[in-house]
Protein backbone atom coordinates (compact mmCIF):
# COMPACT_ATOMS: atom_id res chain seq x y z
CA MET A 1 -48.37 201.63 37.86
CA ALA A 2 -51.36 202.61 35.55
CA ALA A 3 -48.75 201.94 32.20
CA SER A 4 -48.15 198.39 33.45
CA LYS A 5 -51.92 197.74 33.81
CA GLU A 6 -52.66 199.06 30.47
CA GLN A 7 -50.08 196.56 28.92
CA THR A 8 -51.54 193.67 30.89
CA LEU A 9 -54.84 194.50 29.72
CA GLU A 10 -53.81 194.64 26.31
CA HIS A 11 -52.29 191.31 26.03
CA ILE A 12 -55.31 190.06 27.74
CA TYR A 13 -58.01 191.58 25.33
CA ASN A 14 -55.91 190.69 22.33
CA ASP A 15 -56.41 187.14 23.35
CA LEU A 16 -59.99 187.30 24.38
CA ASN A 17 -60.85 188.53 20.73
CA ALA A 18 -57.97 186.78 18.64
CA ASP A 19 -60.53 183.97 17.42
CA LYS A 20 -63.20 186.44 16.41
CA PHE A 21 -60.71 189.26 14.95
CA PRO A 22 -57.36 187.85 14.08
CA GLU A 23 -56.69 190.51 11.60
CA PRO A 24 -54.43 193.11 12.98
CA VAL A 25 -55.62 197.05 13.09
CA GLU A 26 -53.91 200.31 14.09
CA PRO A 27 -54.57 201.13 17.58
CA ILE A 28 -56.64 204.25 18.46
CA LYS A 29 -54.18 206.44 20.52
CA ILE A 30 -56.48 207.66 23.32
CA ASP A 31 -54.95 208.09 26.73
CA LYS A 32 -57.69 208.72 29.30
CA TYR A 33 -55.19 210.17 31.75
CA ASN A 34 -54.19 212.93 29.39
CA LEU A 35 -56.99 214.20 27.36
CA SER A 36 -56.41 217.39 25.29
CA ALA A 37 -56.17 219.04 22.09
CA ALA A 38 -52.30 218.38 22.13
CA THR A 39 -52.81 214.38 22.99
CA VAL A 40 -55.60 213.61 20.84
CA ASP A 41 -55.68 213.56 17.27
CA MET A 42 -59.20 215.25 16.73
CA LYS A 43 -58.93 214.91 12.98
CA ASP A 44 -58.73 210.89 13.29
CA PRO A 45 -62.47 210.32 12.88
CA PHE A 46 -62.15 207.13 14.81
CA ALA A 47 -60.70 209.15 17.81
CA SER A 48 -63.25 211.96 17.88
CA LEU A 49 -66.10 209.48 17.50
CA LEU A 50 -64.73 207.60 20.35
CA ILE A 51 -63.76 210.33 22.71
CA GLY A 52 -67.22 210.89 24.37
CA LEU A 53 -66.92 207.34 25.65
CA PHE A 54 -63.58 208.33 27.75
CA THR A 55 -65.17 211.52 28.84
CA ILE A 56 -68.54 209.71 30.38
CA HIS A 57 -66.10 207.03 31.95
CA GLY A 58 -64.00 209.99 33.38
CA LEU A 59 -67.20 211.67 34.78
CA VAL A 60 -68.26 208.33 36.41
CA ARG A 61 -64.95 207.58 37.80
CA ARG A 62 -64.75 210.99 39.39
CA SER A 63 -68.11 211.53 40.51
CA LEU A 64 -68.18 208.11 42.36
CA ARG A 65 -64.83 209.00 44.17
CA ALA A 66 -66.40 212.24 45.30
CA VAL A 67 -69.39 210.64 46.37
CA ALA A 68 -67.75 207.84 48.53
CA ARG A 69 -65.28 210.51 49.79
CA GLN A 70 -67.87 212.99 51.36
CA ALA A 71 -70.79 210.76 51.98
CA ARG A 72 -69.63 209.87 55.84
CA SER A 73 -68.83 213.17 56.72
CA VAL A 74 -71.18 215.74 55.13
CA GLU A 75 -72.21 218.16 57.53
CA PRO A 76 -75.94 218.20 58.31
CA ALA A 77 -76.75 221.51 56.84
CA LYS A 78 -75.28 220.40 53.28
CA ARG A 79 -76.58 216.85 53.35
CA ALA A 80 -79.65 218.06 51.12
CA ALA A 81 -77.35 219.16 48.30
CA PHE A 82 -75.11 216.38 48.90
CA LEU A 83 -77.88 214.10 48.41
CA GLU A 84 -78.80 215.79 44.81
CA TYR A 85 -75.20 215.40 43.72
CA ALA A 86 -74.98 211.69 44.76
CA LYS A 87 -78.57 210.89 42.86
CA MET A 88 -77.44 212.65 39.62
CA THR A 89 -74.20 210.80 40.11
CA PHE A 90 -76.06 207.30 40.47
CA GLU A 91 -78.47 208.32 37.73
CA THR A 92 -75.68 208.94 35.41
CA LEU A 93 -73.83 205.73 35.47
CA ASN A 94 -77.50 203.92 35.37
CA SER A 95 -78.16 205.76 32.04
CA HIS A 96 -74.72 205.36 30.80
CA HIS A 97 -75.17 201.38 31.22
CA HIS A 98 -78.60 201.95 29.58
CA HIS A 99 -76.99 203.50 26.50
CA GLU A 100 -74.43 200.80 26.22
CA GLU A 101 -77.08 197.83 26.38
CA GLU A 102 -79.48 199.25 24.11
CA ILE A 103 -76.97 201.61 21.62
CA PHE A 104 -73.53 201.16 21.64
CA PHE A 105 -72.91 197.05 22.54
CA PRO A 106 -75.40 195.97 19.97
CA LEU A 107 -74.50 198.09 17.12
CA LEU A 108 -70.47 197.45 17.38
CA LYS A 109 -71.26 193.59 18.16
CA PRO A 110 -70.17 192.47 14.82
CA TYR A 111 -66.66 194.39 15.06
CA VAL A 112 -65.84 194.44 18.85
CA ASP A 113 -66.74 191.82 21.41
CA PHE A 114 -68.33 193.41 24.50
CA THR A 115 -69.99 190.44 25.74
CA GLU A 116 -67.98 189.82 28.73
CA SER A 117 -68.32 193.46 29.54
CA SER A 118 -72.19 193.48 29.26
CA HIS A 119 -72.26 190.41 31.79
CA GLU A 120 -70.22 192.67 34.25
CA HIS A 121 -73.02 195.13 34.40
CA GLU A 122 -75.30 192.88 36.42
CA GLU A 123 -72.84 193.26 39.39
CA ILE A 124 -72.57 197.12 38.92
CA GLU A 125 -76.40 197.28 38.78
CA ARG A 126 -76.82 195.68 42.18
CA LEU A 127 -74.51 197.91 43.73
CA LEU A 128 -76.15 200.99 42.09
CA HIS A 129 -79.67 199.60 43.52
CA GLN A 130 -78.59 199.11 46.77
CA ASN A 131 -77.16 202.91 46.49
CA PHE A 132 -80.58 204.09 45.43
CA GLU A 133 -82.35 202.26 48.05
CA TYR A 134 -79.89 204.51 50.35
CA VAL A 135 -80.96 207.70 48.75
CA LYS A 136 -84.44 206.71 49.76
CA THR A 137 -83.25 206.22 53.22
CA ALA A 138 -81.32 209.53 52.96
CA GLN A 139 -84.71 211.69 52.05
CA GLN A 140 -86.55 209.93 54.90
CA ASN A 141 -83.71 211.30 56.90
CA LEU A 142 -84.06 214.57 55.76
CA LYS A 143 -87.78 214.89 56.27
CA GLY A 144 -87.10 214.35 59.92
CA GLY A 145 -89.49 213.31 62.32
CA GLU A 146 -90.29 210.52 64.81
CA GLY A 147 -88.62 207.35 63.54
CA SER A 148 -86.91 208.92 61.03
CA PRO A 149 -83.64 206.92 59.68
CA ALA A 150 -80.30 208.00 60.65
CA TRP A 151 -78.38 209.52 57.65
CA PRO A 152 -76.82 206.32 55.72
CA GLY A 153 -73.50 208.37 55.05
CA GLU A 154 -71.45 204.95 55.99
CA GLU A 155 -73.74 202.67 53.75
CA ILE A 156 -73.58 204.98 50.85
CA SER A 157 -69.71 205.65 51.03
CA SER A 158 -69.15 201.95 51.44
CA THR A 159 -71.25 200.63 48.56
CA THR A 160 -69.84 203.25 46.36
CA GLU A 161 -66.26 202.23 47.27
CA ARG A 162 -67.04 198.53 46.56
CA LEU A 163 -68.86 199.84 43.11
CA ILE A 164 -65.72 201.85 42.21
CA GLU A 165 -63.63 198.80 42.85
CA VAL A 166 -65.72 196.66 40.70
CA LEU A 167 -66.36 199.33 37.94
CA LEU A 168 -62.86 200.90 37.38
CA PRO A 169 -61.34 197.30 35.56
CA HIS A 170 -64.60 197.16 33.74
CA LEU A 171 -64.34 200.71 32.37
CA GLN A 172 -60.76 200.03 31.41
CA LYS A 173 -61.89 197.01 29.46
CA GLU A 174 -63.95 198.79 27.39
CA GLU A 175 -61.70 201.72 26.78
CA THR A 176 -58.97 199.19 25.66
CA LEU A 177 -61.17 197.09 23.48
CA CYS A 178 -62.19 200.30 21.77
CA CYS A 179 -58.57 201.34 21.45
CA LEU A 180 -57.33 198.18 20.05
CA TYR A 181 -60.36 197.42 17.74
CA GLY A 182 -62.33 200.72 16.85
CA ARG A 183 -60.99 200.65 13.65
CA ARG A 184 -62.72 197.60 12.60
CA ILE A 185 -65.97 199.56 12.89
CA PRO A 186 -67.07 201.08 9.67
CA LEU A 187 -67.43 204.99 10.05
CA ALA A 188 -71.00 205.07 9.06
CA VAL A 189 -71.72 202.54 12.15
CA LEU A 190 -69.86 204.73 14.50
CA GLU A 191 -71.64 207.96 13.46
CA ASP A 192 -74.79 206.12 13.70
CA CYS A 193 -73.84 205.18 17.24
CA ASP A 194 -72.67 208.42 18.07
CA LYS A 195 -76.05 210.39 16.75
CA LYS A 196 -78.21 207.86 18.83
CA ILE A 197 -76.69 208.44 22.04
CA GLU A 198 -76.37 212.05 21.60
CA LYS A 199 -79.93 212.13 21.14
CA ALA A 200 -80.52 209.87 24.04
CA VAL A 201 -78.49 212.25 26.18
CA PHE A 202 -80.08 215.43 24.89
CA ASP A 203 -83.50 213.93 25.72
CA GLU A 204 -82.36 213.23 29.26
CA LEU A 205 -80.80 216.66 29.68
CA LYS A 206 -84.32 218.12 28.43
CA THR A 207 -85.99 216.15 31.67
CA GLN A 208 -83.40 216.86 34.11
CA GLY A 209 -82.92 220.71 32.75
CA MET A 210 -80.51 221.76 30.25
CA VAL A 211 -78.40 224.02 32.43
CA TRP A 212 -78.31 221.58 35.67
CA GLY A 213 -77.58 218.61 33.39
CA THR A 214 -74.83 220.38 31.46
CA SER A 215 -73.30 222.05 34.20
CA TYR A 216 -73.17 218.61 36.19
CA GLN A 217 -71.41 217.17 33.11
CA LEU A 218 -68.79 219.97 32.59
CA ARG A 219 -67.88 220.02 36.44
CA HIS A 220 -66.35 216.63 35.65
CA LEU A 221 -63.98 217.71 33.13
CA ASN A 222 -60.65 219.41 33.57
CA LYS A 223 -59.47 222.43 31.27
CA LYS A 224 -57.65 220.54 29.02
CA GLU A 225 -60.48 217.83 28.22
CA LYS A 226 -62.81 220.96 27.52
CA GLU A 227 -60.87 221.86 24.30
CA ILE A 228 -61.78 218.85 22.60
CA PHE A 229 -65.26 217.99 24.55
CA PRO A 230 -68.04 218.59 24.93
CA PRO A 231 -68.63 219.32 20.97
CA MET A 232 -69.70 223.08 21.55
CA PRO A 233 -68.50 226.67 21.11
CA ALA A 234 -66.35 227.62 24.03
CA LEU A 235 -68.42 230.85 24.57
CA VAL A 236 -71.96 228.29 25.05
CA ARG A 237 -69.71 226.47 27.42
CA LEU A 238 -68.85 229.20 29.42
CA GLY A 239 -72.19 230.40 29.75
CA LEU A 240 -73.80 227.14 30.65
CA GLU A 241 -70.92 226.63 33.74
CA PHE A 242 -71.64 230.31 34.66
CA PHE A 243 -75.06 229.97 35.21
CA GLY A 244 -74.93 226.62 36.32
CA TRP A 245 -72.74 227.89 39.11
CA LEU A 246 -75.11 230.53 40.14
CA GLY A 247 -78.15 228.18 39.99
CA TYR A 248 -76.53 224.79 41.54
CA GLY A 249 -73.29 225.74 43.12
CA LYS A 250 -74.34 224.35 46.50
CA ILE A 251 -74.61 220.90 44.71
CA LEU A 252 -71.62 221.19 42.35
CA GLN A 253 -69.25 221.96 45.19
CA PHE A 254 -69.38 218.41 46.00
CA GLY A 255 -67.73 217.73 42.75
CA PRO A 256 -64.10 216.45 42.51
CA THR A 257 -61.21 218.21 43.66
CA GLU A 258 -58.52 219.52 41.24
CA GLU A 259 -56.37 216.55 42.05
CA GLU A 260 -59.28 214.42 41.45
CA LEU A 261 -59.69 215.90 38.00
CA LYS A 262 -56.56 214.41 36.60
CA ASN A 263 -57.58 210.75 37.12
């Protein structure tokens, strides 16, 4: 099923960019469902500079699915921790889109056409805004007291399910365009883009708390993906994961299942 979708998308996006970018280039080989040291040539500078896009997309897909799956039925005693997980999930997607709009799309515009993808952000942002409003309702529910609203689990789940429905083809479009046209981008431009996004993410981590923010990100990568991303020594990564679980295990427990980490 996934393979046929990818083939259809490749045909569509070749047509979409054919007038602006008629010269063929060698596609970059990255399979988002199979990221590992054995399947991704990290010596290919284009692959290594674009792999971050695929991992953040994986994080977003998996975290939203986890929120949608659990929001309706989370036990009252665990709702505060679940809400922290959901908030981080929505904030991460929101930040990712800001990085794309402010850094990624403008820098790559001369080489890859993401105009249509950018327009799709409007519907995604509308659904995100709805979920941020439900987060406020959930916070009022947790405070309790006379007249406190009901837990908005149904609303969070249904809005997140709709968000996933809109978002998945959007993410796939960006990934397909990058694989098809990424080699048009001068390496210096890709390196500049990567550094600017890395700085933006690091600045956010300092605000969130380095251990919490990093352990949240790592919670959404499987073992093979961690072989190639994030770009840090394995011992440092293991330390962050260990202290992350010590400090935030009650929140991180709401992350994806082993099966969800494969998709």
